[in-house]
Amino acid sequence: MAIAFNHHLHTPMYFFLMNLSIVDLGSISVIVPKSMANSLMNIRSISYAGCVAQVFFLLFLLGADFSLLTVMAYDRYVAICQPLHYETIMNRRACVQMAAGAWISGILYSALHTGNTFALTFCGGNIVNQFFCEIPQLLKLTCSDSYLNEIGVLAFTVCLVLGCFVFIILSYVQIFKSVLRIPSEQGRHKALSTCLPHLTVVSLFVCTGAFAYLKPTSSSPSALDLVMAILYSVLPPIMNPIIYSMRNKEIKAALRRLTGCR
């Protein structure tokens, strides 16, 4: 809302940041309200359709999240490495297309992943050892010979994430090379100040997701599974607004105007 109502913030960087905030709000809304309601009413159930919907929307939003972070890395690369061409390259049409591409890629990825998961045969009971419908926990309920296709989809996912991550790393290598060539210390600090929040968010997202999905699976429920799920599904959406607004004077000023605080 702060970005939408402040015309000074209608720039590509803040446009993508607004999209990221919508994704974060959506991803935390998919799982937290349901788990809170279950806790308050002392129940631990979810319908099959509810589980499918939860998996679909969570994967959709996580996919869109990482796609947006990749696009934002490109935005920072153009802004710092090609500043004279920034307005030409990152025009309104290009920004809308890139944001739409991020959302559509999330939908396609989620449809593939969700459809493949729930096409499996479940014969291991109906107890999911997690506070939401998480795919690794659902795979434990499948028949032993029916989950190979899903393993293929997970491998494809890992390749996509690694590809995006490599693109982000290469973008930042070029960014840091350009920053080091800036003669003034003030200029270097200003350039880095727009990149460090994004780099922090990417690191938080990738590290928590990698820990959750690459750790060895256990047949019995453990506290580590719960902690890992919270780290990648709840912590990033909560931390992202704080990371981006903590040292951003423009966002702070816009929030003060929005809330009427001086």
Protein backbone atom coordinates (compact mmCIF):
# COMPACT_ATOMS: atom_id res chain seq x y z
CA MET A 1 0.00 0.00 0.00
CA ALA A 2 2.87 2.37 0.82
CA ILE A 3 4.33 1.82 -2.67
CA ALA A 4 0.99 1.93 -4.51
CA PHE A 5 -0.07 5.25 -2.92
CA ASN A 6 3.27 7.02 -3.29
CA HIS A 7 4.05 8.06 -6.88
CA HIS A 8 7.70 8.66 -5.94
CA LEU A 9 8.03 4.89 -5.48
CA HIS A 10 6.60 3.99 -8.89
CA THR A 11 9.94 2.67 -10.15
CA PRO A 12 10.87 -0.83 -11.39
CA MET A 13 12.61 -1.79 -8.13
CA TYR A 14 9.61 -0.89 -5.99
CA PHE A 15 7.16 -2.37 -8.50
CA PHE A 16 8.86 -5.76 -8.12
CA LEU A 17 9.07 -5.25 -4.35
CA MET A 18 5.31 -4.66 -4.25
CA ASN A 19 4.77 -7.92 -6.15
CA LEU A 20 7.09 -9.70 -3.72
CA SER A 21 5.15 -8.36 -0.73
CA ILE A 22 1.88 -9.66 -2.24
CA VAL A 23 3.49 -13.09 -2.72
CA ASP A 24 4.77 -13.08 0.87
CA LEU A 25 1.36 -12.11 2.23
CA GLY A 26 -0.25 -14.88 0.19
CA SER A 27 2.24 -17.61 1.10
CA ILE A 28 1.95 -17.01 4.84
CA SER A 29 -1.86 -16.83 4.53
CA VAL A 30 -2.04 -20.26 2.91
CA ILE A 31 -0.79 -22.19 5.94
CA VAL A 32 -0.75 -20.04 9.08
CA PRO A 33 -4.53 -19.26 9.46
CA LYS A 34 -5.47 -22.93 9.04
CA SER A 35 -2.86 -24.12 11.55
CA MET A 36 -3.94 -21.40 14.02
CA ALA A 37 -7.60 -22.37 13.63
CA ASN A 38 -6.75 -26.03 14.21
CA SER A 39 -4.79 -25.09 17.32
CA LEU A 40 -7.54 -22.87 18.75
CA MET A 41 -10.28 -25.44 18.09
CA ASN A 42 -8.05 -28.32 19.19
CA ILE A 43 -8.45 -30.25 15.94
CA ARG A 44 -5.80 -31.69 13.64
CA SER A 45 -7.68 -32.41 10.43
CA ILE A 46 -7.81 -31.09 6.88
CA SER A 47 -9.95 -32.30 4.00
CA TYR A 48 -8.44 -33.90 0.91
CA ALA A 49 -9.56 -30.93 -1.24
CA GLY A 50 -8.15 -28.54 1.37
CA CYS A 51 -4.82 -30.35 1.30
CA VAL A 52 -4.68 -30.18 -2.51
CA ALA A 53 -5.51 -26.46 -2.44
CA GLN A 54 -2.91 -25.80 0.25
CA VAL A 55 -0.17 -27.59 -1.71
CA PHE A 56 -1.14 -25.85 -4.97
CA PHE A 57 -1.23 -22.31 -3.60
CA LEU A 58 1.89 -22.72 -1.48
CA LEU A 59 3.92 -24.08 -4.42
CA PHE A 60 2.47 -21.40 -6.71
CA LEU A 61 3.49 -18.59 -4.36
CA LEU A 62 6.92 -20.06 -3.54
CA GLY A 63 7.60 -20.49 -7.26
CA ALA A 64 6.49 -16.94 -8.02
CA ASP A 65 8.59 -15.72 -5.07
CA PHE A 66 11.83 -17.17 -6.40
CA SER A 67 11.03 -16.05 -9.96
CA LEU A 68 10.52 -12.49 -8.71
CA LEU A 69 13.79 -12.61 -6.78
CA THR A 70 15.54 -13.67 -10.00
CA VAL A 71 13.92 -10.80 -11.93
CA MET A 72 14.90 -8.38 -9.17
CA ALA A 73 18.53 -9.49 -9.49
CA TYR A 74 18.37 -8.62 -13.20
CA ASP A 75 16.84 -5.24 -12.32
CA ARG A 76 19.74 -4.45 -9.98
CA TYR A 77 22.23 -5.65 -12.61
CA VAL A 78 20.83 -3.28 -15.24
CA ALA A 79 20.57 -0.38 -12.76
CA ILE A 80 24.22 -0.63 -11.68
CA CYS A 81 26.02 -2.12 -14.68
CA GLN A 82 24.06 -0.35 -17.44
CA PRO A 83 22.67 2.80 -15.79
CA LEU A 84 22.43 4.81 -19.05
CA HIS A 85 20.16 2.15 -20.59
CA TYR A 86 18.15 1.45 -17.43
CA GLU A 87 15.00 3.39 -18.34
CA THR A 88 15.02 1.94 -21.86
CA ILE A 89 15.49 -1.68 -20.76
CA MET A 90 13.34 -1.59 -17.63
CA ASN A 91 10.40 0.29 -19.10
CA ARG A 92 6.84 -0.16 -17.85
CA ARG A 93 5.96 -2.79 -20.45
CA ALA A 94 9.08 -4.86 -19.73
CA CYS A 95 8.46 -4.73 -15.97
CA VAL A 96 4.84 -5.85 -16.34
CA GLN A 97 5.89 -8.68 -18.67
CA MET A 98 8.61 -9.88 -16.29
CA ALA A 99 6.27 -9.74 -13.28
CA ALA A 100 3.55 -11.57 -15.23
CA GLY A 101 6.13 -14.16 -16.30
CA ALA A 102 7.06 -14.74 -12.66
CA TRP A 103 3.41 -15.26 -11.64
CA ILE A 104 2.68 -17.53 -14.64
CA SER A 105 5.80 -19.61 -14.04
CA GLY A 106 4.64 -20.12 -10.44
CA ILE A 107 1.22 -21.32 -11.65
CA LEU A 108 2.70 -23.73 -14.21
CA TYR A 109 5.22 -25.12 -11.75
CA SER A 110 2.57 -25.58 -9.07
CA ALA A 111 0.11 -27.25 -11.45
CA LEU A 112 2.76 -29.73 -12.58
CA HIS A 113 3.99 -30.47 -9.05
CA THR A 114 0.54 -30.67 -7.42
CA GLY A 115 -1.01 -32.74 -10.19
CA ASN A 116 1.90 -35.18 -10.15
CA THR A 117 1.82 -35.50 -6.35
CA PHE A 118 -1.89 -36.22 -6.02
CA ALA A 119 -1.87 -38.58 -9.00
CA LEU A 120 0.15 -40.95 -6.81
CA THR A 121 -1.44 -43.85 -4.92
CA PHE A 122 -1.56 -43.24 -1.17
CA CYS A 123 -1.47 -46.39 0.93
CA GLY A 124 0.44 -45.34 4.03
CA GLY A 125 -2.42 -44.00 6.12
CA ASN A 126 -3.81 -40.46 6.31
CA ILE A 127 -1.62 -38.86 8.97
CA VAL A 128 0.67 -36.06 7.73
CA ASN A 129 3.38 -35.39 10.31
CA GLN A 130 3.46 -31.64 9.73
CA PHE A 131 1.34 -28.58 10.55
CA PHE A 132 0.42 -28.23 6.86
CA CYS A 133 0.33 -30.45 3.76
CA GLU A 134 4.01 -30.65 2.87
CA ILE A 135 5.09 -32.69 -0.16
CA PRO A 136 7.98 -34.59 1.52
CA GLN A 137 5.55 -35.71 4.24
CA LEU A 138 2.90 -36.65 1.66
CA LEU A 139 5.42 -38.76 -0.25
CA LYS A 140 5.92 -40.86 2.89
CA LEU A 141 2.27 -41.93 2.56
CA THR A 142 2.60 -43.14 -1.04
CA CYS A 143 3.07 -46.74 -2.13
CA SER A 144 6.73 -47.68 -2.45
CA ASP A 145 6.69 -48.04 -6.24
CA SER A 146 4.51 -45.06 -7.18
CA TYR A 147 6.60 -42.00 -6.34
CA LEU A 148 9.37 -42.22 -8.97
CA ASN A 149 7.64 -39.67 -11.24
CA GLU A 150 7.46 -37.22 -8.33
CA ILE A 151 11.17 -37.74 -7.65
CA GLY A 152 11.75 -36.76 -11.29
CA VAL A 153 9.70 -33.57 -10.78
CA LEU A 154 11.68 -32.78 -7.62
CA ALA A 155 14.94 -33.26 -9.56
CA PHE A 156 13.60 -30.92 -12.27
CA THR A 157 12.73 -28.39 -9.55
CA VAL A 158 16.25 -28.55 -8.13
CA CYS A 159 17.69 -27.90 -11.61
CA LEU A 160 15.40 -24.88 -12.10
CA VAL A 161 16.25 -23.43 -8.70
CA LEU A 162 19.98 -23.96 -9.28
CA GLY A 163 19.68 -22.31 -12.70
CA CYS A 164 17.99 -19.24 -11.20
CA PHE A 165 20.46 -19.19 -8.32
CA VAL A 166 23.44 -19.31 -10.71
CA PHE A 167 21.87 -16.44 -12.70
CA ILE A 168 21.52 -14.40 -9.49
CA ILE A 169 25.12 -15.14 -8.46
CA LEU A 170 26.48 -14.18 -11.91
CA SER A 171 24.42 -10.96 -11.80
CA TYR A 172 25.96 -10.06 -8.46
CA VAL A 173 29.47 -10.88 -9.64
CA GLN A 174 29.00 -8.29 -12.40
CA ILE A 175 27.37 -5.87 -9.95
CA PHE A 176 30.25 -6.07 -7.47
CA LYS A 177 32.77 -5.59 -10.29
CA SER A 178 30.94 -2.42 -11.35
CA VAL A 179 30.63 -1.18 -7.76
CA LEU A 180 34.37 -1.57 -7.20
CA ARG A 181 34.99 0.69 -10.22
CA ILE A 182 32.91 3.53 -8.72
CA PRO A 183 35.46 6.15 -7.58
CA SER A 184 33.61 7.65 -4.61
CA GLU A 185 32.93 5.77 -1.39
CA GLN A 186 29.50 7.38 -1.14
CA GLY A 187 28.61 6.10 -4.62
CA ARG A 188 29.73 2.57 -3.74
CA HIS A 189 27.72 2.64 -0.52
CA LYS A 190 24.59 3.89 -2.32
CA ALA A 191 24.87 1.17 -4.99
CA LEU A 192 25.38 -1.59 -2.43
CA SER A 193 22.55 -0.35 -0.21
CA THR A 194 20.03 -1.19 -2.96
CA CYS A 195 21.49 -4.69 -3.43
CA LEU A 196 22.17 -5.97 0.07
CA PRO A 197 18.48 -6.35 1.10
CA HIS A 198 17.79 -8.39 -2.03
CA LEU A 199 20.89 -10.53 -1.51
CA THR A 200 19.86 -11.13 2.11
CA VAL A 201 16.33 -12.18 1.09
CA VAL A 202 17.66 -14.55 -1.61
CA SER A 203 20.11 -16.13 0.85
CA LEU A 204 17.37 -16.59 3.47
CA PHE A 205 14.98 -18.15 0.93
CA VAL A 206 17.52 -20.51 -0.65
CA CYS A 207 19.21 -21.59 2.60
CA THR A 208 15.99 -22.37 4.47
CA GLY A 209 14.50 -24.19 1.45
CA ALA A 210 17.70 -26.20 0.89
CA PHE A 211 17.85 -27.26 4.55
CA ALA A 212 14.20 -28.32 4.49
CA TYR A 213 14.25 -30.33 1.26
CA LEU A 214 17.81 -31.67 1.09
CA LYS A 215 18.10 -33.00 4.63
CA PRO A 216 17.78 -36.79 5.05
CA THR A 217 14.19 -37.92 5.55
CA SER A 218 13.19 -39.94 8.59
CA SER A 219 10.31 -42.40 8.91
CA SER A 220 9.27 -41.02 12.30
CA PRO A 221 8.21 -37.40 13.00
CA SER A 222 10.85 -35.16 14.52
CA ALA A 223 11.08 -31.65 15.91
CA LEU A 224 13.67 -30.87 13.21
CA ASP A 225 11.06 -31.41 10.47
CA LEU A 226 8.76 -28.88 12.16
CA VAL A 227 11.55 -26.34 12.64
CA MET A 228 12.70 -26.68 9.02
CA ALA A 229 9.14 -26.23 7.72
CA ILE A 230 8.72 -23.05 9.79
CA LEU A 231 12.09 -21.74 8.59
CA TYR A 232 11.29 -21.94 4.88
CA SER A 233 7.50 -21.38 4.87
CA VAL A 234 6.97 -18.79 7.63
CA LEU A 235 10.28 -17.05 8.36
CA PRO A 236 11.07 -15.58 4.88
CA PRO A 237 7.62 -13.94 4.40
CA ILE A 238 7.87 -12.41 7.88
CA MET A 239 11.47 -11.23 7.48
CA ASN A 240 11.28 -9.86 3.91
CA PRO A 241 9.33 -6.66 4.74
CA ILE A 242 11.64 -6.01 7.71
CA ILE A 243 14.80 -6.57 5.64
CA TYR A 244 13.63 -4.28 2.83
CA SER A 245 12.34 -1.47 5.03
CA MET A 246 14.89 -1.55 7.87
CA ARG A 247 17.42 0.77 6.19
CA ASN A 248 15.32 2.12 3.33
CA LYS A 249 14.53 5.77 4.00
CA GLU A 250 12.05 6.01 1.11
CA ILE A 251 9.98 3.07 2.37
CA LYS A 252 10.09 4.43 5.93
CA ALA A 253 8.91 7.86 4.74
CA ALA A 254 6.10 6.31 2.66
CA LEU A 255 4.97 4.17 5.63
CA ARG A 256 4.95 7.24 7.89
CA ARG A 257 2.81 9.16 5.38
CA LEU A 258 0.49 6.17 4.98
CA THR A 259 -0.03 5.74 8.73
CA GLY A 260 -0.07 9.48 9.51
CA CYS A 261 2.96 9.22 11.82
CA ARG A 262 5.56 12.00 11.93
